[in-house]
């Protein structure tokens, strides 16, 4: 999901949680949202191929990207 889709889904009440986790495959952190139905979706990049997960070099940069979504609580897996 792109950031605008995540914001829209949060506004309509379709998301239940947001987490940030490290992945060695991308050598960075990815943001994942979980829908009310239990499906997990990564935050995807707008610049590269459709559906490519967006990777962040630090937890701080991941939080900066999603801080305006509206979640009050974020889970971080190191």
PDB file of N, CA and C in Angstrom:
ATOM      1  N   UNK A   1       0.840  -1.178   0.000  1.00  0.00           N
ATOM      2  CA  UNK A   1       0.000   0.000   0.000  1.00  0.00           C
ATOM      3  C   UNK A   1       0.885   1.240   0.000  1.00  0.00           C
ATOM      4  N   UNK A   2       0.524   2.194  -0.811  1.00  0.00           N
ATOM      5  CA  UNK A   2       1.224   3.465  -0.790  1.00  0.00           C
ATOM      6  C   UNK A   2       0.734   4.282   0.408  1.00  0.00           C
ATOM      7  N   UNK A   3       1.497   5.291   0.784  1.00  0.00           N
ATOM      8  CA  UNK A   3       1.186   6.085   1.966  1.00  0.00           C
ATOM      9  C   UNK A   3      -0.214   6.689   1.896  1.00  0.00           C
ATOM     10  N   UNK A   4      -0.607   7.191   0.750  1.00  0.00           N
ATOM     11  CA  UNK A   4      -1.947   7.792   0.625  1.00  0.00           C
ATOM     12  C   UNK A   4      -3.044   6.749   0.847  1.00  0.00           C
ATOM     13  N   UNK A   5      -2.800   5.492   0.428  1.00  0.00           N
ATOM     14  CA  UNK A   5      -3.778   4.422   0.643  1.00  0.00           C
ATOM     15  C   UNK A   5      -3.868   4.059   2.121  1.00  0.00           C
ATOM     16  N   UNK A   6      -2.726   4.084   2.804  1.00  0.00           N
ATOM     17  CA  UNK A   6      -2.706   3.789   4.244  1.00  0.00           C
ATOM     18  C   UNK A   6      -3.469   4.868   5.002  1.00  0.00           C
ATOM     19  N   UNK A   7      -3.234   6.123   4.660  1.00  0.00           N
ATOM     20  CA  UNK A   7      -3.959   7.229   5.313  1.00  0.00           C
ATOM     21  C   UNK A   7      -5.459   7.093   5.093  1.00  0.00           C
ATOM     22  N   UNK A   8      -5.851   6.778   3.889  1.00  0.00           N
ATOM     23  CA  UNK A   8      -7.269   6.624   3.562  1.00  0.00           C
ATOM     24  C   UNK A   8      -7.899   5.461   4.328  1.00  0.00           C
ATOM     25  N   UNK A   9      -7.201   4.335   4.374  1.00  0.00           N
ATOM     26  CA  UNK A   9      -7.713   3.164   5.090  1.00  0.00           C
ATOM     27  C   UNK A   9      -7.803   3.437   6.591  1.00  0.00           C
ATOM     28  N   UNK A  10      -6.849   4.180   7.144  1.00  0.00           N
ATOM     29  CA  UNK A  10      -6.898   4.520   8.562  1.00  0.00           C
ATOM     30  C   UNK A  10      -8.092   5.422   8.853  1.00  0.00           C
ATOM     31  N   UNK A  11      -8.315   6.404   7.993  1.00  0.00           N
ATOM     32  CA  UNK A  11      -9.422   7.346   8.170  1.00  0.00           C
ATOM     33  C   UNK A  11     -10.773   6.636   8.160  1.00  0.00           C
ATOM     34  N   UNK A  12     -10.909   5.624   7.324  1.00  0.00           N
ATOM     35  CA  UNK A  12     -12.177   4.898   7.231  1.00  0.00           C
ATOM     36  C   UNK A  12     -12.290   3.774   8.259  1.00  0.00           C
ATOM     37  N   UNK A  13     -11.247   3.585   9.082  1.00  0.00           N
ATOM     38  CA  UNK A  13     -11.293   2.571  10.130  1.00  0.00           C
ATOM     39  C   UNK A  13     -10.934   1.174   9.669  1.00  0.00           C
ATOM     40  N   UNK A  14     -10.228   1.049   8.555  1.00  0.00           N
ATOM     41  CA  UNK A  14      -9.912  -0.256   8.004  1.00  0.00           C
ATOM     42  C   UNK A  14      -8.624  -0.882   8.497  1.00  0.00           C
ATOM     43  N   UNK A  15      -7.835  -0.156   9.316  1.00  0.00           N
ATOM     44  CA  UNK A  15      -6.563  -0.683   9.789  1.00  0.00           C
ATOM     45  C   UNK A  15      -6.593  -0.940  11.287  1.00  0.00           C
ATOM     46  N   UNK A  16      -5.888  -1.995  11.706  1.00  0.00           N
ATOM     47  CA  UNK A  16      -5.867  -2.316  13.131  1.00  0.00           C
ATOM     48  C   UNK A  16      -4.527  -2.043  13.790  1.00  0.00           C
ATOM     49  N   UNK A  17      -3.405  -2.141  13.037  1.00  0.00           N
ATOM     50  CA  UNK A  17      -2.104  -1.903  13.644  1.00  0.00           C
ATOM     51  C   UNK A  17      -1.064  -1.519  12.605  1.00  0.00           C
ATOM     52  N   UNK A  18       0.047  -0.972  13.099  1.00  0.00           N
ATOM     53  CA  UNK A  18       1.160  -0.566  12.252  1.00  0.00           C
ATOM     54  C   UNK A  18       2.436  -1.019  12.942  1.00  0.00           C
ATOM     55  N   UNK A  19       3.343  -1.614  12.186  1.00  0.00           N
ATOM     56  CA  UNK A  19       4.608  -2.060  12.780  1.00  0.00           C
ATOM     57  C   UNK A  19       5.772  -1.696  11.873  1.00  0.00           C
ATOM     58  N   UNK A  20       6.947  -1.563  12.496  1.00  0.00           N
ATOM     59  CA  UNK A  20       8.192  -1.305  11.790  1.00  0.00           C
ATOM     60  C   UNK A  20       9.121  -2.456  12.135  1.00  0.00           C
ATOM     61  N   UNK A  21       9.692  -3.079  11.126  1.00  0.00           N
ATOM     62  CA  UNK A  21      10.578  -4.216  11.375  1.00  0.00           C
ATOM     63  C   UNK A  21      11.791  -4.170  10.463  1.00  0.00           C
ATOM     64  N   UNK A  22      12.888  -4.743  10.954  1.00  0.00           N
ATOM     65  CA  UNK A  22      14.124  -4.784  10.167  1.00  0.00           C
ATOM     66  C   UNK A  22      14.095  -5.988   9.241  1.00  0.00           C
ATOM     67  N   UNK A  23      14.557  -5.803   8.017  1.00  0.00           N
ATOM     68  CA  UNK A  23      14.691  -6.895   7.073  1.00  0.00           C
ATOM     69  C   UNK A  23      16.086  -6.857   6.458  1.00  0.00           C
ATOM     70  N   UNK A  24      16.795  -7.962   6.586  1.00  0.00           N
ATOM     71  CA  UNK A  24      18.153  -8.015   6.045  1.00  0.00           C
ATOM     72  C   UNK A  24      18.152  -8.056   4.518  1.00  0.00           C
ATOM     73  N   UNK A  25      17.084  -8.543   3.927  1.00  0.00           N
ATOM     74  CA  UNK A  25      16.986  -8.618   2.474  1.00  0.00           C
ATOM     75  C   UNK A  25      17.094  -7.228   1.831  1.00  0.00           C
ATOM     76  N   UNK A  26      16.468  -6.245   2.448  1.00  0.00           N
ATOM     77  CA  UNK A  26      16.523  -4.870   1.953  1.00  0.00           C
ATOM     78  C   UNK A  26      17.540  -4.025   2.713  1.00  0.00           C
ATOM     79  N   UNK A  27      18.158  -4.611   3.731  1.00  0.00           N
ATOM     80  CA  UNK A  27      19.118  -3.933   4.600  1.00  0.00           C
ATOM     81  C   UNK A  27      18.540  -2.637   5.155  1.00  0.00           C
ATOM     82  N   UNK A  28      17.330  -2.745   5.695  1.00  0.00           N
ATOM     83  CA  UNK A  28      16.678  -1.582   6.263  1.00  0.00           C
ATOM     84  C   UNK A  28      15.378  -1.961   6.947  1.00  0.00           C
ATOM     85  N   UNK A  29      14.620  -0.963   7.320  1.00  0.00           N
ATOM     86  CA  UNK A  29      13.356  -1.147   8.032  1.00  0.00           C
ATOM     87  C   UNK A  29      12.190  -0.972   7.074  1.00  0.00           C
ATOM     88  N   UNK A  30      11.169  -1.792   7.255  1.00  0.00           N
ATOM     89  CA  UNK A  30       9.950  -1.647   6.453  1.00  0.00           C
ATOM     90  C   UNK A  30       8.773  -1.392   7.389  1.00  0.00           C
ATOM     91  N   UNK A  31       7.786  -0.692   6.864  1.00  0.00           N
ATOM     92  CA  UNK A  31       6.557  -0.397   7.600  1.00  0.00           C
ATOM     93  C   UNK A  31       5.476  -1.340   7.092  1.00  0.00           C
ATOM     94  N   UNK A  32       4.784  -1.997   8.020  1.00  0.00           N
ATOM     95  CA  UNK A  32       3.708  -2.911   7.655  1.00  0.00           C
ATOM     96  C   UNK A  32       2.449  -2.524   8.411  1.00  0.00           C
ATOM     97  N   UNK A  33       1.328  -2.485   7.705  1.00  0.00           N
ATOM     98  CA  UNK A  33       0.037  -2.231   8.343  1.00  0.00           C
ATOM     99  C   UNK A  33      -0.800  -3.498   8.279  1.00  0.00           C
ATOM    100  N   UNK A  34      -1.622  -3.685   9.293  1.00  0.00           N
ATOM    101  CA  UNK A  34      -2.519  -4.832   9.324  1.00  0.00           C
ATOM    102  C   UNK A  34      -3.951  -4.328   9.252  1.00  0.00           C
ATOM    103  N   UNK A  35      -4.717  -4.924   8.356  1.00  0.00           N
ATOM    104  CA  UNK A  35      -6.113  -4.532   8.199  1.00  0.00           C
ATOM    105  C   UNK A  35      -6.967  -5.189   9.276  1.00  0.00           C
ATOM    106  N   UNK A  36      -8.198  -4.738   9.412  1.00  0.00           N
ATOM    107  CA  UNK A  36      -9.126  -5.323  10.382  1.00  0.00           C
ATOM    108  C   UNK A  36      -9.375  -6.802  10.088  1.00  0.00           C
ATOM    109  N   UNK A  37      -9.251  -7.208   8.811  1.00  0.00           N
ATOM    110  CA  UNK A  37      -9.461  -8.616   8.449  1.00  0.00           C
ATOM    111  C   UNK A  37      -8.232  -9.476   8.716  1.00  0.00           C
ATOM    112  N   UNK A  38      -7.117  -8.847   9.150  1.00  0.00           N
ATOM    113  CA  UNK A  38      -5.918  -9.589   9.507  1.00  0.00           C
ATOM    114  C   UNK A  38      -4.854  -9.668   8.428  1.00  0.00           C
ATOM    115  N   UNK A  39      -5.084  -9.064   7.284  1.00  0.00           N
ATOM    116  CA  UNK A  39      -4.113  -9.083   6.194  1.00  0.00           C
ATOM    117  C   UNK A  39      -3.037  -8.029   6.421  1.00  0.00           C
ATOM    118  N   UNK A  40      -1.769  -8.403   6.233  1.00  0.00           N
ATOM    119  CA  UNK A  40      -0.653  -7.472   6.398  1.00  0.00           C
ATOM    120  C   UNK A  40      -0.220  -6.936   5.039  1.00  0.00           C
ATOM    121  N   UNK A  41       0.038  -5.620   4.983  1.00  0.00           N
ATOM    122  CA  UNK A  41       0.471  -4.961   3.753  1.00  0.00           C
ATOM    123  C   UNK A  41       1.668  -4.070   4.061  1.00  0.00           C
ATOM    124  N   UNK A  42       2.759  -4.189   3.274  1.00  0.00           N
ATOM    125  CA  UNK A  42       3.897  -3.284   3.484  1.00  0.00           C
ATOM    126  C   UNK A  42       3.638  -1.924   2.844  1.00  0.00           C
ATOM    127  N   UNK A  43       4.268  -0.896   3.400  1.00  0.00           N
ATOM    128  CA  UNK A  43       4.269   0.417   2.757  1.00  0.00           C
ATOM    129  C   UNK A  43       5.115   0.271   1.499  1.00  0.00           C
ATOM    130  N   UNK A  44       4.563   0.647   0.360  1.00  0.00           N
ATOM    131  CA  UNK A  44       5.288   0.493  -0.901  1.00  0.00           C
ATOM    132  C   UNK A  44       5.782   1.832  -1.405  1.00  0.00           C
ATOM    133  N   UNK A  45       6.804   1.768  -2.231  1.00  0.00           N
ATOM    134  CA  UNK A  45       7.401   2.959  -2.800  1.00  0.00           C
ATOM    135  C   UNK A  45       6.589   3.466  -3.982  1.00  0.00           C
ATOM    136  N   UNK A  46       6.619   4.753  -4.200  1.00  0.00           N
ATOM    137  CA  UNK A  46       5.914   5.347  -5.331  1.00  0.00           C
ATOM    138  C   UNK A  46       6.816   5.454  -6.552  1.00  0.00           C
ATOM    139  N   UNK A  47       8.114   5.356  -6.360  1.00  0.00           N
ATOM    140  CA  UNK A  47       9.063   5.605  -7.439  1.00  0.00           C
ATOM    141  C   UNK A  47       9.472   4.351  -8.194  1.00  0.00           C
ATOM    142  N   UNK A  48       9.591   3.245  -7.510  1.00  0.00           N
ATOM    143  CA  UNK A  48      10.059   2.026  -8.157  1.00  0.00           C
ATOM    144  C   UNK A  48       8.869   1.194  -8.606  1.00  0.00           C
ATOM    145  N   UNK A  49       9.123  -0.050  -8.953  1.00  0.00           N
ATOM    146  CA  UNK A  49       8.067  -0.926  -9.443  1.00  0.00           C
ATOM    147  C   UNK A  49       6.885  -1.018  -8.500  1.00  0.00           C
ATOM    148  N   UNK A  50       5.713  -1.162  -9.048  1.00  0.00           N
ATOM    149  CA  UNK A  50       4.481  -1.236  -8.261  1.00  0.00           C
ATOM    150  C   UNK A  50       4.560  -2.391  -7.271  1.00  0.00           C
ATOM    151  N   UNK A  51       4.274  -2.126  -6.029  1.00  0.00           N
ATOM    152  CA  UNK A  51       4.263  -3.156  -5.000  1.00  0.00           C
ATOM    153  C   UNK A  51       5.605  -3.420  -4.344  1.00  0.00           C
ATOM    154  N   UNK A  52       6.634  -2.654  -4.692  1.00  0.00           N
ATOM    155  CA  UNK A  52       7.964  -2.836  -4.108  1.00  0.00           C
ATOM    156  C   UNK A  52       7.986  -2.193  -2.716  1.00  0.00           C
ATOM    157  N   UNK A  53       8.322  -2.968  -1.649  1.00  0.00           N
ATOM    158  CA  UNK A  53       8.334  -2.399  -0.295  1.00  0.00           C
ATOM    159  C   UNK A  53       9.335  -1.251  -0.172  1.00  0.00           C
ATOM    160  N   UNK A  54       8.933  -0.228   0.536  1.00  0.00           N
ATOM    161  CA  UNK A  54       9.803   0.915   0.772  1.00  0.00           C
ATOM    162  C   UNK A  54      10.690   0.607   1.968  1.00  0.00           C
ATOM    163  N   UNK A  55      11.983   0.811   1.814  1.00  0.00           N
ATOM    164  CA  UNK A  55      12.954   0.509   2.860  1.00  0.00           C
ATOM    165  C   UNK A  55      13.505   1.806   3.442  1.00  0.00           C
ATOM    166  N   UNK A  56      13.701   1.811   4.768  1.00  0.00           N
ATOM    167  CA  UNK A  56      14.244   2.970   5.470  1.00  0.00           C
ATOM    168  C   UNK A  56      15.542   2.572   6.161  1.00  0.00           C
ATOM    169  N   UNK A  57      16.512   3.469   6.186  1.00  0.00           N
ATOM    170  CA  UNK A  57      17.808   3.181   6.810  1.00  0.00           C
ATOM    171  C   UNK A  57      17.749   3.191   8.337  1.00  0.00           C
ATOM    172  N   UNK A  58      16.760   3.883   8.911  1.00  0.00           N
ATOM    173  CA  UNK A  58      16.655   3.939  10.369  1.00  0.00           C
ATOM    174  C   UNK A  58      15.187   3.901  10.796  1.00  0.00           C
ATOM    175  N   UNK A  59      14.980   3.565  12.061  1.00  0.00           N
ATOM    176  CA  UNK A  59      13.633   3.571  12.626  1.00  0.00           C
ATOM    177  C   UNK A  59      13.084   4.995  12.620  1.00  0.00           C
ATOM    178  N   UNK A  60      13.944   5.959  12.907  1.00  0.00           N
ATOM    179  CA  UNK A  60      13.522   7.363  12.924  1.00  0.00           C
ATOM    180  C   UNK A  60      12.981   7.819  11.570  1.00  0.00           C
ATOM    181  N   UNK A  61      13.635   7.416  10.492  1.00  0.00           N
ATOM    182  CA  UNK A  61      13.160   7.827   9.174  1.00  0.00           C
ATOM    183  C   UNK A  61      11.848   7.133   8.814  1.00  0.00           C
ATOM    184  N   UNK A  62      11.661   5.895   9.280  1.00  0.00           N
ATOM    185  CA  UNK A  62      10.391   5.203   9.047  1.00  0.00           C
ATOM    186  C   UNK A  62       9.260   5.894   9.801  1.00  0.00           C
ATOM    187  N   UNK A  63       9.518   6.274  11.033  1.00  0.00           N
ATOM    188  CA  UNK A  63       8.509   6.970  11.836  1.00  0.00           C
ATOM    189  C   UNK A  63       8.181   8.335  11.220  1.00  0.00           C
ATOM    190  N   UNK A  64       9.196   9.042  10.735  1.00  0.00           N
ATOM    191  CA  UNK A  64       8.961  10.345  10.112  1.00  0.00           C
ATOM    192  C   UNK A  64       8.050  10.218   8.891  1.00  0.00           C
ATOM    193  N   UNK A  65       8.186   9.130   8.163  1.00  0.00           N
ATOM    194  CA  UNK A  65       7.367   8.941   6.964  1.00  0.00           C
ATOM    195  C   UNK A  65       5.905   8.662   7.285  1.00  0.00           C
ATOM    196  N   UNK A  66       5.636   8.006   8.417  1.00  0.00           N
ATOM    197  CA  UNK A  66       4.260   7.588   8.719  1.00  0.00           C
ATOM    198  C   UNK A  66       3.619   8.349   9.874  1.00  0.00           C
ATOM    199  N   UNK A  67       4.293   9.349  10.405  1.00  0.00           N
ATOM    200  CA  UNK A  67       3.776  10.020  11.609  1.00  0.00           C
ATOM    201  C   UNK A  67       2.432  10.700  11.406  1.00  0.00           C
ATOM    202  N   UNK A  68       2.110  11.089  10.196  1.00  0.00           N
ATOM    203  CA  UNK A  68       0.852  11.788   9.943  1.00  0.00           C
ATOM    204  C   UNK A  68      -0.316  10.873   9.596  1.00  0.00           C
ATOM    205  N   UNK A  69      -0.104   9.569   9.658  1.00  0.00           N
ATOM    206  CA  UNK A  69      -1.196   8.635   9.356  1.00  0.00           C
ATOM    207  C   UNK A  69      -2.278   8.722  10.417  1.00  0.00           C
ATOM    208  N   UNK A  70      -1.865   8.760  11.691  1.00  0.00           N
ATOM    209  CA  UNK A  70      -2.850   8.893  12.760  1.00  0.00           C
ATOM    210  C   UNK A  70      -2.750   7.845  13.850  1.00  0.00           C
ATOM    211  N   UNK A  71      -1.919   6.836  13.680  1.00  0.00           N
ATOM    212  CA  UNK A  71      -1.769   5.832  14.715  1.00  0.00           C
ATOM    213  C   UNK A  71      -1.153   6.456  15.963  1.00  0.00           C
ATOM    214  N   UNK A  72      -1.634   6.060  17.116  1.00  0.00           N
ATOM    215  CA  UNK A  72      -1.103   6.538  18.384  1.00  0.00           C
ATOM    216  C   UNK A  72      -0.034   5.603  18.922  1.00  0.00           C
ATOM    217  N   UNK A  73       0.011   4.369  18.391  1.00  0.00           N
ATOM    218  CA  UNK A  73       0.932   3.361  18.884  1.00  0.00           C
ATOM    219  C   UNK A  73       1.525   2.599  17.694  1.00  0.00           C
ATOM    220  N   UNK A  74       2.838   2.357  17.739  1.00  0.00           N
ATOM    221  CA  UNK A  74       3.546   1.638  16.692  1.00  0.00           C
ATOM    222  C   UNK A  74       4.374   0.540  17.344  1.00  0.00           C
ATOM    223  N   UNK A  75       4.391  -0.644  16.749  1.00  0.00           N
ATOM    224  CA  UNK A  75       5.222  -1.733  17.227  1.00  0.00           C
ATOM    225  C   UNK A  75       6.514  -1.738  16.432  1.00  0.00           C
ATOM    226  N   UNK A  76       7.665  -1.837  17.132  1.00  0.00           N
ATOM    227  CA  UNK A  76       8.967  -1.875  16.460  1.00  0.00           C
ATOM    228  C   UNK A  76       9.638  -3.200  16.772  1.00  0.00           C
ATOM    229  N   UNK A  77       9.974  -3.948  15.702  1.00  0.00           N
ATOM    230  CA  UNK A  77      10.689  -5.215  15.823  1.00  0.00           C
ATOM    231  C   UNK A  77      12.100  -4.994  15.308  1.00  0.00           C
ATOM    232  N   UNK A  78      13.090  -5.155  16.214  1.00  0.00           N
ATOM    233  CA  UNK A  78      14.480  -4.904  15.820  1.00  0.00           C
ATOM    234  C   UNK A  78      15.144  -6.133  15.286  1.00  0.00           C
TER     235      UNK A  78
END
